[in-house]
Structure formats: C-alpha cells, structure tokens
Amino acid sequence: MSLRQVLFILFSLFIVINLVFLDLFVFKLSSQVSNSSRVASSEKVTNDQECGKSCRQAIEQAVKKYITPTKNTPVSNLTTDKFTSGSVKEYFIPLGSGVTSTTDWANVSGLESSIDTALYQNIKVAYFEISLRVPTGNQTVYARLYNQTDKHAVWFSDVSLDGGTPKLLVSPVIKLDTGNKLYIVQIKTQLGYQVFIDQARVHITTQ
C-alpha cells in the first residue's frame, strides 16, 4: 500500500468521524430547543390560566362592591314613604319642619302637603304626628292640622307639649276630608317663646 493510499484512508476516516460528531451535536441542540419551547408553552398556559382566574376574581369583587342591599328610604319632605306588612299598608306623608312663636293659632310657613284620599283605598285609620322642642322649657305649645282647602281644623288633630323636653306627639284618630285637600300645620304658644317643629307628618294605615 502506497503512502498516498494510506493518507486517503486516514482523510476519509477523519471526514466520517467529523460528520458523526456534527450529527450528534445538531441532534442535541435541536432537542434542547424543543424542550425549551415546550417549557415556554407550558408557562404561557399557566400564566394564561392565572390571568383568567385573577380576572374572574376582579369581576366578582366588583360585583360585590356595587351590589348592595336596598334600604328603607327615610322620611322626606318631598316623597311619601310606604311600608307594607301583609295586606296592611302604612303611608307617612311628610309636612316639613320649621320654627314659630305665635301666641294664637297660625299657619307655620312651609309645613303643608296636599293629600288626595282617592290615592289611599280602604283607609283604616289616620293620625297627625309632630315632633316639638321648646328651648326655654317654660311654656305650653299647641299644634293641630288644618284643612286649608275647606277652611277648618281637622277634627281630633289637636296635641300639646308642656315644658322643653323634645317629644313626638301623636293625635287620636283623625278624619281626612274626601278628595284632594291642602293640609297645613298650625301652632299656638302660651308665652310667645320660640318653638321648633323638627318634623310633622300624616300617618295613614290602609287594609
């Protein structure tokens, strides 16, 4: 065997060995890239799931924040409050609040409301209710409901307060005139000192 043949064989072996190592290296690199892709994809799915969960939690919190139980509306000078228990219904018709010091029966400015009995079917009872305060505490105050439309005091609506302790006064059962009438609060004081009306209203119960 000549030297040229020996060199050719060695060169051929060198090329084959290099090709084998090159194939192994490329296969290993491809495997690593594939594994990395699978890991990244798995992390992306996990992140997407976590994002979806956090979004759902945010929505639930928002719903809980903005949905609140309904509460009864307090007595207002602008609206009639209605409370229902079975077939019995109660209506509180506000008349307002104010202050006066008259020594004779007189209307209190702003303490009035129109009441139409046609809107309250089957009226069982009605009352005149008023909260009074006398800062000096040394006089008697009288209050009543007055039918301004027909020009007469409402029967049995008279109430009175002695002394200065604030108190809610409730009249005996009153009779409201049929139809739409304007009712006004009238006050009379014993000594002409100021009296405060914190609230006044007509309480109607139907059945």
Protein backbone atom coordinates (compact mmCIF):
# COMPACT_ATOMS: atom_id res chain seq x y z
CA MET A 1 0.00 0.00 0.00
CA SER A 2 1.39 3.24 -1.03
CA LEU A 3 1.65 6.33 1.16
CA ARG A 4 -0.94 8.09 -0.97
CA GLN A 5 -3.48 5.34 -0.31
CA VAL A 6 -2.80 5.46 3.44
CA LEU A 7 -3.31 9.24 3.54
CA PHE A 8 -6.53 8.91 1.56
CA ILE A 9 -7.92 6.30 4.00
CA LEU A 10 -6.97 8.46 7.03
CA PHE A 11 -8.55 11.51 5.47
CA SER A 12 -11.74 9.57 4.72
CA LEU A 13 -11.93 8.32 8.35
CA PHE A 14 -11.42 11.87 9.62
CA ILE A 15 -14.31 13.14 7.50
CA VAL A 16 -16.65 10.32 8.62
CA ILE A 17 -15.83 10.90 12.31
CA ASN A 18 -16.44 14.66 11.94
CA LEU A 19 -19.77 14.01 10.26
CA VAL A 20 -20.85 11.70 13.09
CA PHE A 21 -19.93 14.24 15.78
CA LEU A 22 -21.63 17.01 13.81
CA ASP A 23 -24.87 14.97 13.57
CA LEU A 24 -24.81 14.25 17.30
CA PHE A 25 -24.27 17.95 18.11
CA VAL A 26 -27.11 19.10 15.84
CA PHE A 27 -29.49 16.46 17.31
CA LYS A 28 -28.67 17.52 20.87
CA LEU A 29 -29.14 21.22 20.06
CA SER A 30 -32.49 20.53 18.38
CA SER A 31 -33.64 18.53 21.40
CA GLN A 32 -32.76 21.39 23.75
CA VAL A 33 -34.62 23.90 21.61
CA SER A 34 -37.68 21.65 21.52
CA ASN A 35 -37.63 21.22 25.31
CA SER A 36 -37.30 24.97 25.78
CA SER A 37 -40.29 25.55 23.52
CA ARG A 38 -42.38 23.06 25.47
CA VAL A 39 -41.45 24.71 28.79
CA ALA A 40 -42.24 28.17 27.44
CA SER A 41 -45.57 26.94 26.09
CA SER A 42 -46.39 25.34 29.45
CA GLU A 43 -45.52 28.54 31.30
CA LYS A 44 -47.66 30.54 28.89
CA VAL A 45 -50.65 28.26 29.51
CA THR A 46 -50.12 28.52 33.25
CA ASN A 47 -49.85 32.30 33.06
CA ASP A 48 -52.96 32.47 30.92
CA GLN A 49 -54.85 30.36 33.46
CA GLU A 50 -53.66 32.56 36.32
CA CYS A 51 -54.65 35.67 34.40
CA GLY A 52 -58.08 34.22 33.78
CA LYS A 53 -58.50 33.39 37.47
CA SER A 54 -57.38 36.84 38.58
CA CYS A 55 -59.76 38.43 36.08
CA ARG A 56 -62.64 36.38 37.41
CA GLN A 57 -61.76 37.36 40.98
CA ALA A 58 -61.64 41.03 39.98
CA ILE A 59 -65.09 40.74 38.39
CA GLU A 60 -66.53 39.04 41.48
CA GLN A 61 -65.11 41.75 43.74
CA ALA A 62 -66.55 44.45 41.51
CA VAL A 63 -69.97 42.79 41.60
CA LYS A 64 -69.89 42.52 45.41
CA LYS A 65 -68.80 46.15 45.69
CA TYR A 66 -71.56 47.63 43.60
CA ILE A 67 -74.49 45.36 44.56
CA THR A 68 -75.79 46.48 47.97
CA PRO A 69 -78.99 45.61 49.83
CA THR A 70 -81.86 48.01 49.45
CA LYS A 71 -82.66 50.10 52.50
CA ASN A 72 -85.89 51.81 53.55
CA THR A 73 -85.97 55.43 52.43
CA PRO A 74 -86.09 57.85 55.41
CA VAL A 75 -88.97 60.31 55.86
CA SER A 76 -88.59 63.12 53.34
CA ASN A 77 -90.29 66.43 52.73
CA LEU A 78 -90.64 65.53 49.06
CA THR A 79 -91.91 61.94 48.98
CA THR A 80 -94.46 59.72 50.69
CA ASP A 81 -92.95 56.70 52.48
CA LYS A 82 -94.78 53.41 52.19
CA PHE A 83 -94.37 50.36 54.42
CA THR A 84 -96.17 47.09 53.70
CA SER A 85 -96.85 44.18 56.04
CA GLY A 86 -99.14 41.56 54.53
CA SER A 87 -102.38 43.23 53.42
CA VAL A 88 -101.82 46.25 55.72
CA LYS A 89 -100.09 49.29 54.21
CA GLU A 90 -98.76 52.31 56.08
CA TYR A 91 -98.10 55.69 54.49
CA PHE A 92 -96.17 58.58 56.06
CA ILE A 93 -96.90 61.87 54.33
CA PRO A 94 -94.30 64.48 55.40
CA LEU A 95 -95.41 68.04 56.12
CA GLY A 96 -91.99 69.55 56.78
CA SER A 97 -90.19 71.33 59.66
CA GLY A 98 -89.92 74.89 60.89
CA VAL A 99 -89.99 77.35 63.80
CA THR A 100 -92.60 79.81 65.12
CA SER A 101 -93.52 81.85 68.23
CA THR A 102 -97.13 82.91 67.62
CA THR A 103 -99.49 83.23 70.61
CA ASP A 104 -102.60 82.50 68.53
CA TRP A 105 -103.41 79.83 66.03
CA ALA A 106 -101.42 80.49 62.85
CA ASN A 107 -100.10 78.55 59.88
CA VAL A 108 -96.43 77.60 60.03
CA SER A 109 -94.80 78.57 56.75
CA GLY A 110 -93.70 75.58 54.68
CA LEU A 111 -95.39 72.91 56.82
CA GLU A 112 -98.02 71.73 54.36
CA SER A 113 -98.92 68.98 51.91
CA SER A 114 -101.76 68.05 49.56
CA ILE A 115 -103.45 64.76 50.40
CA ASP A 116 -105.84 63.06 48.00
CA THR A 117 -107.82 60.34 49.79
CA ALA A 118 -108.55 58.71 46.40
CA LEU A 119 -104.90 57.56 46.35
CA TYR A 120 -105.32 55.59 49.59
CA GLN A 121 -108.00 52.94 49.18
CA ASN A 122 -109.70 51.47 52.25
CA ILE A 123 -108.24 53.89 54.81
CA LYS A 124 -108.43 52.21 58.21
CA VAL A 125 -107.01 54.98 60.44
CA ALA A 126 -105.07 58.24 60.10
CA TYR A 127 -103.05 60.22 62.65
CA PHE A 128 -101.37 63.62 62.88
CA GLU A 129 -97.81 63.26 64.22
CA ILE A 130 -95.46 66.12 65.15
CA SER A 131 -92.11 66.47 66.98
CA LEU A 132 -91.80 69.67 69.07
CA ARG A 133 -88.99 71.38 71.05
CA VAL A 134 -89.23 74.41 73.35
CA PRO A 135 -85.72 75.77 74.11
CA THR A 136 -86.87 77.85 77.11
CA GLY A 137 -88.71 74.90 78.55
CA ASN A 138 -91.32 77.00 80.36
CA GLN A 139 -94.42 77.19 78.19
CA THR A 140 -97.16 75.03 76.73
CA VAL A 141 -97.31 74.60 72.96
CA TYR A 142 -100.39 73.56 71.00
CA ALA A 143 -100.41 72.08 67.49
CA ARG A 144 -103.08 70.90 65.07
CA LEU A 145 -103.70 70.04 61.44
CA TYR A 146 -105.71 72.50 59.38
CA ASN A 147 -107.65 71.88 56.16
CA GLN A 148 -106.70 74.97 54.15
CA THR A 149 -108.92 74.00 51.21
CA ASP A 150 -112.16 73.86 53.24
CA LYS A 151 -111.00 76.34 55.93
CA HIS A 152 -111.41 74.27 59.08
CA ALA A 153 -109.28 72.46 61.64
CA VAL A 154 -109.09 68.68 61.27
CA TRP A 155 -111.21 67.08 63.99
CA PHE A 156 -109.24 65.43 66.85
CA SER A 157 -105.85 66.53 65.47
CA ASP A 158 -105.05 68.77 68.49
CA VAL A 159 -101.93 67.89 70.54
CA SER A 160 -99.91 69.82 73.15
CA LEU A 161 -96.49 69.83 74.80
CA ASP A 162 -95.64 71.09 78.31
CA GLY A 163 -92.05 72.08 79.05
CA GLY A 164 -88.95 71.82 76.91
CA THR A 165 -88.30 68.10 76.54
CA PRO A 166 -88.41 67.19 72.82
CA LYS A 167 -91.25 64.80 72.13
CA LEU A 168 -93.09 63.13 69.27
CA LEU A 169 -96.80 63.82 69.74
CA VAL A 170 -99.42 61.58 68.15
CA SER A 171 -103.03 62.68 67.86
CA PRO A 172 -106.10 60.48 68.30
CA VAL A 173 -107.53 59.05 65.08
CA ILE A 174 -108.35 61.92 62.69
CA LYS A 175 -110.82 62.17 59.82
CA LEU A 176 -109.42 63.29 56.48
CA ASP A 177 -111.89 65.00 54.16
CA THR A 178 -112.70 63.19 50.94
CA GLY A 179 -110.87 64.41 47.86
CA ASN A 180 -107.67 66.34 47.26
CA LYS A 181 -107.15 68.82 50.11
CA LEU A 182 -104.27 71.06 51.22
CA TYR A 183 -103.35 70.46 54.87
CA ILE A 184 -101.23 72.90 56.91
CA VAL A 185 -99.73 72.71 60.41
CA GLN A 186 -100.95 75.35 62.86
CA ILE A 187 -99.17 76.25 66.13
CA LYS A 188 -100.11 78.30 69.19
CA THR A 189 -97.74 79.05 72.13
CA GLN A 190 -98.64 80.03 75.69
CA LEU A 191 -95.99 82.74 76.21
CA GLY A 192 -94.80 83.57 72.71
CA TYR A 193 -91.38 81.92 73.02
CA GLN A 194 -89.91 80.07 70.06
CA VAL A 195 -90.95 76.50 69.40
CA PHE A 196 -89.15 74.23 66.93
CA ILE A 197 -91.00 71.70 64.78
CA ASP A 198 -88.46 69.01 63.91
CA GLN A 199 -90.92 67.07 61.78
CA ALA A 200 -94.63 66.81 61.11
CA ARG A 201 -96.48 64.19 59.10
CA VAL A 202 -99.77 62.41 58.47
CA HIS A 203 -99.72 58.69 59.17
CA ILE A 204 -102.25 56.67 57.14
CA THR A 205 -102.95 52.94 57.52
CA THR A 206 -104.95 51.06 54.89
CA GLN A 207 -106.15 47.48 54.59
